[in-house]
Amino acid sequence: MIKTIFFDLDDTLLWDKKSIKTAFQETCKTVASLDPERFEEAVRQEATKLYQSYPTYPFTQMIGINPFEGLWGTFDDSGVEFQQMHQLINKYQVDAWTNGLKACGIDDKVLGKQLAQQFVVERKKHPFVYSETFAVLDQLKDKYQLVLITNGSPSLQRTKLTLTPEIAPYFTHIIISGEVGVGKPDLQIFEFALTTAAVVPQEAIMVGDNLMTDILGANRTGIPNIWINHHQQTPETVQPTHEVARLAEILPIIEKL
């Protein structure tokens, strides 16, 4: 019998990719001489290249922080690795935008700094939630214990929840990888979640959009799971227990369990 539902946050309840895309669009279109789509792609490429060059990269992979979160996070969190990120993040943000400009033929660090600052503002202005998020949570909140398991830095994930304050009250516990010390799909964060929720694997179900973090980790821990396949992908190495195309489709599955 299912007692607890573990939810992923980014691109499961919050539409993070749309927020990032909108922030890029709004920032890139301010440089009138450049094609905004080409400029965005250049900044994404330069940011990714730069992000992967830092000694903190293995840590960000393990905790689950991507280069585009790095473009607006502060990472002023406790721990040596987070403090290393905090010290380099401003330079990273400016250099990513400056290098993106250079790739498009503009050498202007002052403009790069302005764009880096604007992107942070734009990302905070555009928090998106899937249209079904609150209706689904409303139907589940009185029947099950709801627990959020999210990869990322504590400061950034809590900023996301602050920008969309309606989400957090649904959850008995909010588990952030940067506070646990490991990210999904590591067994440890799922075992920590089970202990925190006081359930065994068969009494829980994991709902998430990412096969290689949410579903793989749940499989490793013996937790049944529902994969939200937003983009009609074909699972290859990781097989979910259940698969749906959108969030609302989890309800009939959970009701039968």
Protein backbone atom coordinates (compact mmCIF):
# COMPACT_ATOMS: atom_id res chain seq x y z
CA MET A 1 0.00 0.00 0.00
CA ILE A 2 1.37 3.40 -0.99
CA LYS A 3 1.69 5.84 1.91
CA THR A 4 4.21 8.35 0.55
CA ILE A 5 4.79 9.98 -2.82
CA PHE A 6 8.26 11.28 -3.59
CA PHE A 7 8.21 14.11 -6.13
CA ASP A 8 11.05 15.58 -8.15
CA LEU A 9 10.88 19.39 -8.47
CA ASP A 10 12.53 20.68 -11.68
CA ASP A 11 10.62 19.82 -14.86
CA THR A 12 8.21 17.68 -12.87
CA LEU A 13 6.33 20.31 -10.83
CA LEU A 14 8.24 23.45 -11.85
CA TRP A 15 8.81 23.97 -15.58
CA ASP A 16 12.46 24.94 -15.13
CA LYS A 17 13.52 24.51 -18.75
CA LYS A 18 10.87 27.01 -19.84
CA SER A 19 12.02 29.49 -17.19
CA ILE A 20 15.61 29.23 -18.40
CA LYS A 21 14.57 29.47 -22.05
CA THR A 22 12.49 32.59 -21.36
CA ALA A 23 15.33 34.21 -19.42
CA PHE A 24 17.66 33.58 -22.35
CA GLN A 25 15.15 34.97 -24.85
CA GLU A 26 14.51 38.14 -22.88
CA THR A 27 18.22 38.75 -22.28
CA CYS A 28 19.50 37.88 -25.76
CA LYS A 29 17.00 40.06 -27.63
CA THR A 30 18.42 43.18 -25.94
CA VAL A 31 21.51 42.95 -28.18
CA ALA A 32 19.87 44.36 -31.30
CA SER A 33 22.74 43.59 -33.66
CA LEU A 34 22.62 39.82 -33.01
CA ASP A 35 20.17 37.12 -33.95
CA PRO A 36 18.79 36.18 -30.51
CA GLU A 37 18.58 32.44 -31.21
CA ARG A 38 22.14 32.25 -32.52
CA PHE A 39 23.35 34.32 -29.57
CA GLU A 40 21.54 32.11 -27.06
CA GLU A 41 23.08 28.99 -28.56
CA ALA A 42 26.54 30.59 -28.40
CA VAL A 43 26.12 31.51 -24.72
CA ARG A 44 24.81 28.03 -23.89
CA GLN A 45 27.82 26.45 -25.59
CA GLU A 46 30.36 28.80 -23.99
CA ALA A 47 28.76 28.45 -20.55
CA THR A 48 28.82 24.66 -20.75
CA LYS A 49 32.45 24.61 -21.90
CA LEU A 50 33.53 26.98 -19.13
CA TYR A 51 31.49 25.20 -16.44
CA GLN A 52 33.09 21.87 -17.29
CA SER A 53 36.58 23.38 -17.02
CA TYR A 54 36.32 24.17 -13.30
CA PRO A 55 37.60 21.86 -10.55
CA THR A 56 34.11 22.05 -9.03
CA TYR A 57 32.55 20.31 -12.06
CA PRO A 58 32.61 16.74 -10.67
CA PHE A 59 30.87 18.01 -7.52
CA THR A 60 28.19 19.82 -9.53
CA GLN A 61 27.55 16.64 -11.51
CA MET A 62 27.23 14.59 -8.34
CA ILE A 63 24.88 17.06 -6.63
CA GLY A 64 22.99 17.80 -9.85
CA ILE A 65 23.60 21.46 -10.76
CA ASN A 66 23.68 22.30 -14.46
CA PRO A 67 25.57 25.13 -16.23
CA PHE A 68 22.42 27.22 -16.72
CA GLU A 69 21.56 27.12 -13.02
CA GLY A 70 25.12 28.37 -12.58
CA LEU A 71 24.19 31.42 -14.65
CA TRP A 72 21.82 32.68 -11.95
CA GLY A 73 22.74 30.95 -8.68
CA THR A 74 24.90 32.34 -5.87
CA PHE A 75 25.86 29.04 -4.20
CA ASP A 76 26.47 30.72 -0.85
CA ASP A 77 25.90 27.41 0.90
CA SER A 78 27.85 25.63 3.60
CA GLY A 79 30.59 23.23 2.54
CA VAL A 80 33.97 23.60 0.89
CA GLU A 81 32.77 22.81 -2.63
CA PHE A 82 29.87 25.26 -2.45
CA GLN A 83 32.19 27.97 -1.17
CA GLN A 84 34.53 27.29 -4.10
CA MET A 85 31.56 27.68 -6.44
CA HIS A 86 30.47 30.85 -4.66
CA GLN A 87 33.91 32.39 -5.15
CA LEU A 88 34.04 31.74 -8.89
CA ILE A 89 30.38 32.09 -9.86
CA ASN A 90 30.32 35.83 -10.61
CA LYS A 91 33.31 35.50 -12.93
CA TYR A 92 31.74 32.44 -14.55
CA GLN A 93 28.51 34.30 -15.25
CA VAL A 94 30.27 37.31 -16.78
CA ASP A 95 32.75 35.19 -18.76
CA ALA A 96 30.00 32.95 -20.15
CA TRP A 97 28.12 35.92 -21.58
CA THR A 98 31.31 37.71 -22.68
CA ASN A 99 32.55 34.57 -24.46
CA GLY A 100 29.12 34.14 -26.07
CA LEU A 101 29.36 37.68 -27.41
CA LYS A 102 32.87 36.98 -28.72
CA ALA A 103 31.65 33.87 -30.51
CA CYS A 104 29.18 36.14 -32.30
CA GLY A 105 31.82 38.73 -33.18
CA ILE A 106 31.42 41.24 -30.30
CA ASP A 107 34.29 41.79 -27.84
CA ASP A 108 32.70 43.75 -24.97
CA LYS A 109 33.20 42.66 -21.37
CA VAL A 110 31.12 45.56 -20.02
CA LEU A 111 28.17 44.39 -22.08
CA GLY A 112 28.89 40.82 -20.98
CA LYS A 113 28.60 41.88 -17.35
CA GLN A 114 25.33 43.72 -18.01
CA LEU A 115 23.85 40.69 -19.74
CA ALA A 116 24.97 38.37 -16.94
CA GLN A 117 23.18 40.59 -14.41
CA GLN A 118 20.08 40.86 -16.60
CA PHE A 119 19.83 37.10 -16.99
CA VAL A 120 19.62 36.67 -13.21
CA VAL A 121 16.80 39.22 -13.08
CA GLU A 122 14.94 37.65 -15.99
CA ARG A 123 15.18 34.12 -14.55
CA LYS A 124 13.66 35.29 -11.27
CA LYS A 125 10.90 37.14 -13.14
CA HIS A 126 9.76 34.02 -14.98
CA PRO A 127 8.98 31.10 -12.69
CA PHE A 128 6.78 28.62 -14.58
CA VAL A 129 4.70 25.83 -13.12
CA TYR A 130 3.03 23.09 -15.17
CA SER A 131 -0.68 23.79 -15.58
CA GLU A 132 -1.62 20.56 -13.77
CA THR A 133 0.77 20.87 -10.81
CA PHE A 134 -1.54 22.33 -8.19
CA ALA A 135 -4.61 20.33 -9.22
CA VAL A 136 -2.60 17.10 -8.89
CA LEU A 137 -1.09 18.06 -5.54
CA ASP A 138 -4.53 19.09 -4.25
CA GLN A 139 -5.91 15.64 -5.06
CA LEU A 140 -3.04 13.85 -3.32
CA LYS A 141 -2.26 15.99 -0.27
CA ASP A 142 -4.93 14.57 2.07
CA LYS A 143 -4.42 10.91 1.12
CA TYR A 144 -0.63 10.62 1.09
CA GLN A 145 2.49 12.01 2.70
CA LEU A 146 4.17 14.13 0.01
CA VAL A 147 7.96 14.49 0.03
CA LEU A 148 10.08 16.57 -2.35
CA ILE A 149 13.46 15.17 -3.44
CA THR A 150 15.37 17.66 -5.55
CA ASN A 151 18.93 17.81 -6.86
CA GLY A 152 20.77 21.09 -6.52
CA SER A 153 22.22 23.68 -4.20
CA PRO A 154 20.10 24.47 -1.12
CA SER A 155 20.16 28.22 -1.77
CA LEU A 156 19.08 27.90 -5.42
CA GLN A 157 16.39 25.26 -4.88
CA ARG A 158 14.93 27.26 -2.00
CA THR A 159 14.98 30.39 -4.17
CA LYS A 160 12.89 28.49 -6.73
CA LEU A 161 10.44 27.53 -3.99
CA THR A 162 10.35 31.13 -2.77
CA LEU A 163 9.54 32.33 -6.30
CA THR A 164 6.62 29.86 -6.37
CA PRO A 165 5.58 29.88 -2.69
CA GLU A 166 2.45 27.77 -3.24
CA ILE A 167 4.45 24.55 -3.70
CA ALA A 168 6.33 24.05 -0.41
CA PRO A 169 3.27 23.82 1.90
CA TYR A 170 2.13 20.62 0.17
CA PHE A 171 5.24 18.77 1.38
CA THR A 172 5.94 17.20 4.75
CA HIS A 173 9.65 17.10 3.96
CA ILE A 174 11.86 18.87 1.40
CA ILE A 175 15.08 16.98 0.69
CA ILE A 176 17.79 18.80 -1.29
CA SER A 177 20.84 16.92 -2.55
CA GLY A 178 23.22 19.71 -1.55
CA GLU A 179 22.15 19.26 2.07
CA VAL A 180 22.37 15.46 2.00
CA GLY A 181 25.79 15.47 0.31
CA VAL A 182 24.85 13.29 -2.67
CA GLY A 183 22.36 13.67 -5.50
CA LYS A 184 19.95 11.40 -7.32
CA PRO A 185 20.49 8.64 -8.52
CA ASP A 186 22.75 7.84 -5.55
CA LEU A 187 21.25 5.21 -3.25
CA GLN A 188 22.07 7.31 -0.20
CA ILE A 189 19.64 10.15 -0.94
CA PHE A 190 16.78 7.71 -1.57
CA GLU A 191 17.55 5.79 1.62
CA PHE A 192 17.67 9.11 3.47
CA ALA A 193 14.26 9.98 2.02
CA LEU A 194 12.78 6.64 3.09
CA THR A 195 14.13 7.07 6.62
CA THR A 196 12.91 10.68 6.79
CA ALA A 197 9.44 9.67 5.60
CA ALA A 198 9.43 6.58 7.86
CA VAL A 199 8.39 4.20 5.06
CA VAL A 200 9.82 1.14 3.33
CA PRO A 201 10.31 1.12 -0.46
CA GLN A 202 7.05 -0.70 -1.16
CA GLU A 203 5.10 2.01 0.69
CA ALA A 204 6.45 4.79 -1.55
CA ILE A 205 6.43 5.79 -5.19
CA MET A 206 8.79 8.19 -6.99
CA VAL A 207 7.46 10.63 -9.59
CA GLY A 208 9.96 12.39 -11.85
CA ASP A 209 10.91 13.40 -15.37
CA ASN A 210 14.53 12.23 -15.45
CA LEU A 211 15.29 8.59 -16.23
CA MET A 212 18.93 8.82 -15.20
CA THR A 213 18.30 10.42 -11.78
CA ASP A 214 14.72 9.98 -10.53
CA ILE A 215 13.94 6.61 -12.09
CA LEU A 216 17.39 5.00 -11.95
CA GLY A 217 17.76 5.94 -8.28
CA ALA A 218 14.29 4.67 -7.40
CA ASN A 219 14.97 1.40 -9.24
CA ARG A 220 18.21 0.92 -7.34
CA THR A 221 16.39 1.42 -4.06
CA GLY A 222 13.43 -0.79 -4.88
CA ILE A 223 10.97 2.11 -4.98
CA PRO A 224 8.18 1.84 -7.58
CA ASN A 225 8.20 4.85 -9.87
CA ILE A 226 6.38 6.86 -12.51
CA TRP A 227 8.36 8.47 -15.31
CA ILE A 228 6.86 11.62 -16.82
CA ASN A 229 8.03 11.31 -20.41
CA HIS A 230 7.53 14.89 -21.61
CA HIS A 231 9.32 14.41 -24.91
CA GLN A 232 8.18 10.95 -26.06
CA GLN A 233 11.62 9.45 -25.52
CA THR A 234 12.24 5.71 -25.71
CA PRO A 235 13.78 4.31 -22.51
CA GLU A 236 16.80 2.14 -23.23
CA THR A 237 18.94 1.15 -20.27
CA VAL A 238 16.58 2.35 -17.50
CA GLN A 239 13.05 0.99 -17.37
CA PRO A 240 10.43 2.82 -15.26
CA THR A 241 7.69 0.97 -13.38
CA HIS A 242 5.08 3.19 -15.02
CA GLU A 243 5.27 5.79 -17.79
CA VAL A 244 3.01 8.78 -18.47
CA ALA A 245 3.09 11.74 -20.85
CA ARG A 246 1.93 14.39 -18.36
CA LEU A 247 1.59 14.95 -14.66
CA ALA A 248 -2.19 14.44 -14.36
CA GLU A 249 -1.82 10.90 -15.69
CA ILE A 250 -0.15 9.77 -12.45
CA LEU A 251 -3.47 10.01 -10.57
CA PRO A 252 -5.24 6.88 -11.91
CA ILE A 253 -2.02 4.88 -11.51
CA ILE A 254 -1.61 5.88 -7.87
CA GLU A 255 -5.28 5.24 -7.13
CA LYS A 256 -4.93 1.62 -8.26
CA LEU A 257 -1.88 0.92 -6.08
